[in-house]
Amino acid sequence: MEKSYKEIMPQINTFIFDIDGVLTNGVVTIFPNGEMVRNMNIKDGYALKTAVTAGYNVCIISGGTNENVRKRFKNLGITEVYLGAHNKIEQFNEYVHNLNLNPESILYMGDDIPDFPVMKKVGLPCCPKDAAPEIQDISIYISQKKGGKGCVRDVIEQVLKVQGKWNGQFDAKYD
């Protein structure tokens, strides 16, 4: 019998997230100069910073290449940011190897087909409410929040609450 997400959350020590469709709503605004701009939810940012402050491993793996998003994550204390990742399993394997991680202790949240191979390898595959059907089918937890609308906050908050590390136990300053 497969475990429920609540049974898996106590063992999570690592969070990995996609950007477009998870940390954003998947919409990219293209300015006349060609610059692409994404909107991110500040509550997701607070949760990411809280997870970093609490000592969790936090990693971003995205097919996007905009270096401005790297600056955003650096301000939140996230240094492991893989951009231009078109075969995400390669970056995932490198990250797991470099930190000597157990894939069973990893929560990965993705929303579309490029996330599928990584999600099949982790202990807690998750997705936003508006993820592709194929991703929903393999997710142990589907957030009631859509991509860019707090789904990252949702999963981080749940894990930290289960582990007694949420709500005032850490002073997470964020930008």
C-alpha atoms as a PDB file:
ATOM      1  CA  MET A   1       0.000   0.000   0.000  1.00  0.00           C
ATOM      2  CA  GLU A   2       1.289   3.433  -0.968  1.00  0.00           C
ATOM      3  CA  LYS A   3       1.978   5.908   1.826  1.00  0.00           C
ATOM      4  CA  SER A   4      -0.051   9.097   2.139  1.00  0.00           C
ATOM      5  CA  TYR A   5       1.685  12.451   1.834  1.00  0.00           C
ATOM      6  CA  LYS A   6       1.207  13.043   5.580  1.00  0.00           C
ATOM      7  CA  GLU A   7       3.166   9.848   6.296  1.00  0.00           C
ATOM      8  CA  ILE A   8       6.017  10.937   4.003  1.00  0.00           C
ATOM      9  CA  MET A   9       6.331  14.562   5.165  1.00  0.00           C
ATOM     10  CA  PRO A  10       8.190  13.763   8.418  1.00  0.00           C
ATOM     11  CA  GLN A  11      11.171  12.410   6.427  1.00  0.00           C
ATOM     12  CA  ILE A  12      11.484  15.357   4.001  1.00  0.00           C
ATOM     13  CA  ASN A  13      14.734  17.340   4.307  1.00  0.00           C
ATOM     14  CA  THR A  14      14.988  18.697   0.755  1.00  0.00           C
ATOM     15  CA  PHE A  15      12.690  20.777  -1.450  1.00  0.00           C
ATOM     16  CA  ILE A  16      13.152  21.049  -5.222  1.00  0.00           C
ATOM     17  CA  PHE A  17      10.928  23.279  -7.337  1.00  0.00           C
ATOM     18  CA  ASP A  18      10.344  24.082 -10.979  1.00  0.00           C
ATOM     19  CA  ILE A  19       9.786  27.774 -11.729  1.00  0.00           C
ATOM     20  CA  ASP A  20       7.305  28.294 -14.582  1.00  0.00           C
ATOM     21  CA  GLY A  21       3.904  26.933 -13.634  1.00  0.00           C
ATOM     22  CA  VAL A  22       4.944  26.292 -10.014  1.00  0.00           C
ATOM     23  CA  LEU A  23       6.609  29.434  -8.636  1.00  0.00           C
ATOM     24  CA  THR A  24       4.842  31.438 -11.363  1.00  0.00           C
ATOM     25  CA  ASN A  25       1.449  31.097 -12.996  1.00  0.00           C
ATOM     26  CA  GLY A  26       3.173  30.048 -16.211  1.00  0.00           C
ATOM     27  CA  VAL A  27       2.549  33.359 -17.960  1.00  0.00           C
ATOM     28  CA  VAL A  28       5.588  35.185 -19.334  1.00  0.00           C
ATOM     29  CA  THR A  29       5.332  38.854 -20.306  1.00  0.00           C
ATOM     30  CA  ILE A  30       7.640  39.756 -23.187  1.00  0.00           C
ATOM     31  CA  PHE A  31       8.697  43.396 -23.406  1.00  0.00           C
ATOM     32  CA  PRO A  32       9.565  45.071 -26.740  1.00  0.00           C
ATOM     33  CA  ASN A  33      13.288  44.671 -25.955  1.00  0.00           C
ATOM     34  CA  GLY A  34      12.779  40.902 -25.686  1.00  0.00           C
ATOM     35  CA  GLU A  35      13.091  40.721 -21.900  1.00  0.00           C
ATOM     36  CA  MET A  36      10.776  38.120 -20.371  1.00  0.00           C
ATOM     37  CA  VAL A  37       9.267  38.924 -17.000  1.00  0.00           C
ATOM     38  CA  ARG A  38       7.670  36.482 -14.559  1.00  0.00           C
ATOM     39  CA  ASN A  39       5.541  37.191 -11.499  1.00  0.00           C
ATOM     40  CA  MET A  40       6.230  35.294  -8.287  1.00  0.00           C
ATOM     41  CA  ASN A  41       4.125  35.060  -5.153  1.00  0.00           C
ATOM     42  CA  ILE A  42       5.654  36.789  -2.120  1.00  0.00           C
ATOM     43  CA  LYS A  43       4.154  34.159   0.217  1.00  0.00           C
ATOM     44  CA  ASP A  44       6.012  31.456  -1.705  1.00  0.00           C
ATOM     45  CA  GLY A  45       9.154  33.544  -1.198  1.00  0.00           C
ATOM     46  CA  TYR A  46       8.569  33.768   2.533  1.00  0.00           C
ATOM     47  CA  ALA A  47       8.112  29.991   2.757  1.00  0.00           C
ATOM     48  CA  LEU A  48      11.268  29.348   0.723  1.00  0.00           C
ATOM     49  CA  LYS A  49      13.287  31.653   2.992  1.00  0.00           C
ATOM     50  CA  THR A  50      11.779  29.986   6.059  1.00  0.00           C
ATOM     51  CA  ALA A  51      12.798  26.540   4.758  1.00  0.00           C
ATOM     52  CA  VAL A  52      16.363  27.737   4.100  1.00  0.00           C
ATOM     53  CA  THR A  53      16.566  29.337   7.559  1.00  0.00           C
ATOM     54  CA  ALA A  54      15.258  26.122   9.124  1.00  0.00           C
ATOM     55  CA  GLY A  55      18.138  24.191   7.538  1.00  0.00           C
ATOM     56  CA  TYR A  56      16.390  22.409   4.674  1.00  0.00           C
ATOM     57  CA  ASN A  57      18.084  21.888   1.323  1.00  0.00           C
ATOM     58  CA  VAL A  58      16.283  23.994  -1.287  1.00  0.00           C
ATOM     59  CA  CYS A  59      16.979  23.739  -5.005  1.00  0.00           C
ATOM     60  CA  ILE A  60      15.461  25.197  -8.166  1.00  0.00           C
ATOM     61  CA  ILE A  61      15.562  23.316 -11.480  1.00  0.00           C
ATOM     62  CA  SER A  62      14.097  25.164 -14.465  1.00  0.00           C
ATOM     63  CA  GLY A  63      14.181  25.079 -18.221  1.00  0.00           C
ATOM     64  CA  GLY A  64      14.077  28.893 -18.192  1.00  0.00           C
ATOM     65  CA  THR A  65      17.266  30.884 -18.619  1.00  0.00           C
ATOM     66  CA  ASN A  66      16.505  34.334 -17.189  1.00  0.00           C
ATOM     67  CA  GLU A  67      19.356  35.206 -14.821  1.00  0.00           C
ATOM     68  CA  ASN A  68      17.169  37.683 -12.917  1.00  0.00           C
ATOM     69  CA  VAL A  69      15.374  34.766 -11.285  1.00  0.00           C
ATOM     70  CA  ARG A  70      18.728  33.551  -9.939  1.00  0.00           C
ATOM     71  CA  LYS A  71      19.090  36.918  -8.158  1.00  0.00           C
ATOM     72  CA  ARG A  72      15.630  36.521  -6.633  1.00  0.00           C
ATOM     73  CA  PHE A  73      16.497  33.103  -5.230  1.00  0.00           C
ATOM     74  CA  LYS A  74      19.918  34.260  -4.018  1.00  0.00           C
ATOM     75  CA  ASN A  75      18.137  36.982  -2.001  1.00  0.00           C
ATOM     76  CA  LEU A  76      16.086  34.191  -0.396  1.00  0.00           C
ATOM     77  CA  GLY A  77      19.259  32.244   0.471  1.00  0.00           C
ATOM     78  CA  ILE A  78      18.888  29.635  -2.294  1.00  0.00           C
ATOM     79  CA  THR A  79      22.212  28.992  -3.999  1.00  0.00           C
ATOM     80  CA  GLU A  80      21.401  25.774  -5.862  1.00  0.00           C
ATOM     81  CA  VAL A  81      19.647  27.134  -8.962  1.00  0.00           C
ATOM     82  CA  TYR A  82      19.854  25.200 -12.216  1.00  0.00           C
ATOM     83  CA  LEU A  83      18.645  27.227 -15.213  1.00  0.00           C
ATOM     84  CA  GLY A  84      18.394  26.064 -18.826  1.00  0.00           C
ATOM     85  CA  ALA A  85      17.711  22.534 -17.580  1.00  0.00           C
ATOM     86  CA  HIS A  86      16.032  20.862 -20.528  1.00  0.00           C
ATOM     87  CA  ASN A  87      16.727  17.368 -19.211  1.00  0.00           C
ATOM     88  CA  LYS A  88      16.015  17.969 -15.521  1.00  0.00           C
ATOM     89  CA  ILE A  89      17.008  14.473 -14.412  1.00  0.00           C
ATOM     90  CA  GLU A  90      20.665  15.334 -15.137  1.00  0.00           C
ATOM     91  CA  GLN A  91      20.619  18.325 -12.780  1.00  0.00           C
ATOM     92  CA  PHE A  92      18.641  16.333 -10.229  1.00  0.00           C
ATOM     93  CA  ASN A  93      21.182  13.485 -10.271  1.00  0.00           C
ATOM     94  CA  GLU A  94      24.057  15.967  -9.941  1.00  0.00           C
ATOM     95  CA  TYR A  95      22.398  17.725  -7.004  1.00  0.00           C
ATOM     96  CA  VAL A  96      21.570  14.456  -5.211  1.00  0.00           C
ATOM     97  CA  HIS A  97      25.118  13.185  -5.768  1.00  0.00           C
ATOM     98  CA  ASN A  98      26.823  16.437  -4.659  1.00  0.00           C
ATOM     99  CA  LEU A  99      24.850  16.609  -1.406  1.00  0.00           C
ATOM    100  CA  ASN A 100      24.727  12.826  -0.893  1.00  0.00           C
ATOM    101  CA  LEU A 101      20.928  12.943  -0.584  1.00  0.00           C
ATOM    102  CA  ASN A 102      18.450  10.113  -0.266  1.00  0.00           C
ATOM    103  CA  PRO A 103      15.803  10.652  -3.000  1.00  0.00           C
ATOM    104  CA  GLU A 104      13.157   9.336  -0.564  1.00  0.00           C
ATOM    105  CA  SER A 105      13.713  12.447   1.587  1.00  0.00           C
ATOM    106  CA  ILE A 106      13.068  14.851  -1.316  1.00  0.00           C
ATOM    107  CA  LEU A 107       9.874  16.731  -2.147  1.00  0.00           C
ATOM    108  CA  TYR A 108       9.748  17.840  -5.791  1.00  0.00           C
ATOM    109  CA  MET A 109       7.015  20.080  -7.139  1.00  0.00           C
ATOM    110  CA  GLY A 110       6.528  20.274 -10.889  1.00  0.00           C
ATOM    111  CA  ASP A 111       3.678  21.024 -13.234  1.00  0.00           C
ATOM    112  CA  ASP A 112       4.409  19.650 -16.691  1.00  0.00           C
ATOM    113  CA  ILE A 113       5.979  16.844 -18.715  1.00  0.00           C
ATOM    114  CA  PRO A 114       9.651  17.965 -18.296  1.00  0.00           C
ATOM    115  CA  ASP A 115       9.222  17.374 -14.534  1.00  0.00           C
ATOM    116  CA  PHE A 116       7.947  13.809 -14.949  1.00  0.00           C
ATOM    117  CA  PRO A 117      11.299  11.896 -14.832  1.00  0.00           C
ATOM    118  CA  VAL A 118      12.436  13.661 -11.636  1.00  0.00           C
ATOM    119  CA  MET A 119       9.052  13.260  -9.964  1.00  0.00           C
ATOM    120  CA  LYS A 120       9.258   9.487 -10.492  1.00  0.00           C
ATOM    121  CA  LYS A 121      12.528   9.425  -8.475  1.00  0.00           C
ATOM    122  CA  VAL A 122      11.579  11.368  -5.314  1.00  0.00           C
ATOM    123  CA  GLY A 123       9.832  10.400  -2.098  1.00  0.00           C
ATOM    124  CA  LEU A 124       7.133  13.067  -2.355  1.00  0.00           C
ATOM    125  CA  PRO A 125       6.159  14.188  -5.872  1.00  0.00           C
ATOM    126  CA  CYS A 126       3.793  17.187  -5.707  1.00  0.00           C
ATOM    127  CA  CYS A 127       2.113  19.538  -8.116  1.00  0.00           C
ATOM    128  CA  PRO A 128      -0.099  22.622  -8.204  1.00  0.00           C
ATOM    129  CA  LYS A 129      -3.837  22.284  -8.779  1.00  0.00           C
ATOM    130  CA  ASP A 130      -3.473  23.350 -12.430  1.00  0.00           C
ATOM    131  CA  ALA A 131      -0.647  20.947 -13.378  1.00  0.00           C
ATOM    132  CA  ALA A 132      -0.821  18.797 -16.493  1.00  0.00           C
ATOM    133  CA  PRO A 133      -2.956  15.654 -16.045  1.00  0.00           C
ATOM    134  CA  GLU A 134       0.073  13.370 -16.468  1.00  0.00           C
ATOM    135  CA  ILE A 135       1.789  15.158 -13.567  1.00  0.00           C
ATOM    136  CA  GLN A 136      -1.313  15.016 -11.391  1.00  0.00           C
ATOM    137  CA  ASP A 137      -1.484  11.261 -12.045  1.00  0.00           C
ATOM    138  CA  ILE A 138       1.982  10.651 -10.518  1.00  0.00           C
ATOM    139  CA  SER A 139       1.719  13.201  -7.690  1.00  0.00           C
ATOM    140  CA  ILE A 140       1.201  11.936  -4.167  1.00  0.00           C
ATOM    141  CA  TYR A 141       0.073  15.448  -3.177  1.00  0.00           C
ATOM    142  CA  ILE A 142      -1.820  17.940  -5.355  1.00  0.00           C
ATOM    143  CA  SER A 143      -1.991  21.400  -3.810  1.00  0.00           C
ATOM    144  CA  GLN A 144      -5.331  23.156  -3.813  1.00  0.00           C
ATOM    145  CA  LYS A 145      -3.368  26.242  -4.920  1.00  0.00           C
ATOM    146  CA  LYS A 146      -2.486  26.954  -8.534  1.00  0.00           C
ATOM    147  CA  GLY A 147       1.012  27.624  -9.841  1.00  0.00           C
ATOM    148  CA  GLY A 148       2.202  31.089  -8.787  1.00  0.00           C
ATOM    149  CA  LYS A 149      -0.713  31.351  -6.353  1.00  0.00           C
ATOM    150  CA  GLY A 150       0.810  29.869  -3.197  1.00  0.00           C
ATOM    151  CA  CYS A 151       1.314  26.167  -3.986  1.00  0.00           C
ATOM    152  CA  VAL A 152       4.957  26.345  -2.882  1.00  0.00           C
ATOM    153  CA  ARG A 153       3.974  27.964   0.412  1.00  0.00           C
ATOM    154  CA  ASP A 154       1.347  25.249   0.826  1.00  0.00           C
ATOM    155  CA  VAL A 155       3.776  22.308   0.629  1.00  0.00           C
ATOM    156  CA  ILE A 156       6.597  23.942   2.574  1.00  0.00           C
ATOM    157  CA  GLU A 157       4.253  25.042   5.353  1.00  0.00           C
ATOM    158  CA  GLN A 158       2.738  21.563   5.633  1.00  0.00           C
ATOM    159  CA  VAL A 159       6.135  19.845   5.871  1.00  0.00           C
ATOM    160  CA  LEU A 160       7.469  22.323   8.413  1.00  0.00           C
ATOM    161  CA  LYS A 161       4.303  22.071  10.509  1.00  0.00           C
ATOM    162  CA  VAL A 162       4.478  18.264  10.553  1.00  0.00           C
ATOM    163  CA  GLN A 163       8.099  18.572  11.692  1.00  0.00           C
ATOM    164  CA  GLY A 164       7.376  21.307  14.279  1.00  0.00           C
ATOM    165  CA  LYS A 165       9.396  23.972  12.460  1.00  0.00           C
ATOM    166  CA  TRP A 166       6.750  26.452  11.301  1.00  0.00           C
ATOM    167  CA  ASN A 167       5.132  29.540  12.783  1.00  0.00           C
ATOM    168  CA  GLY A 168       7.501  31.672  14.735  1.00  0.00           C
ATOM    169  CA  GLN A 169      10.182  29.109  15.499  1.00  0.00           C
ATOM    170  CA  PHE A 170      12.435  30.804  12.948  1.00  0.00           C
ATOM    171  CA  ASP A 171      12.858  34.476  12.179  1.00  0.00           C
ATOM    172  CA  ALA A 172      12.874  34.391   8.372  1.00  0.00           C
ATOM    173  CA  LYS A 173      13.717  37.774   6.911  1.00  0.00           C
ATOM    174  CA  TYR A 174      13.136  37.915   3.187  1.00  0.00           C
ATOM    175  CA  ASP A 175      13.316  40.283   0.226  1.00  0.00           C
END
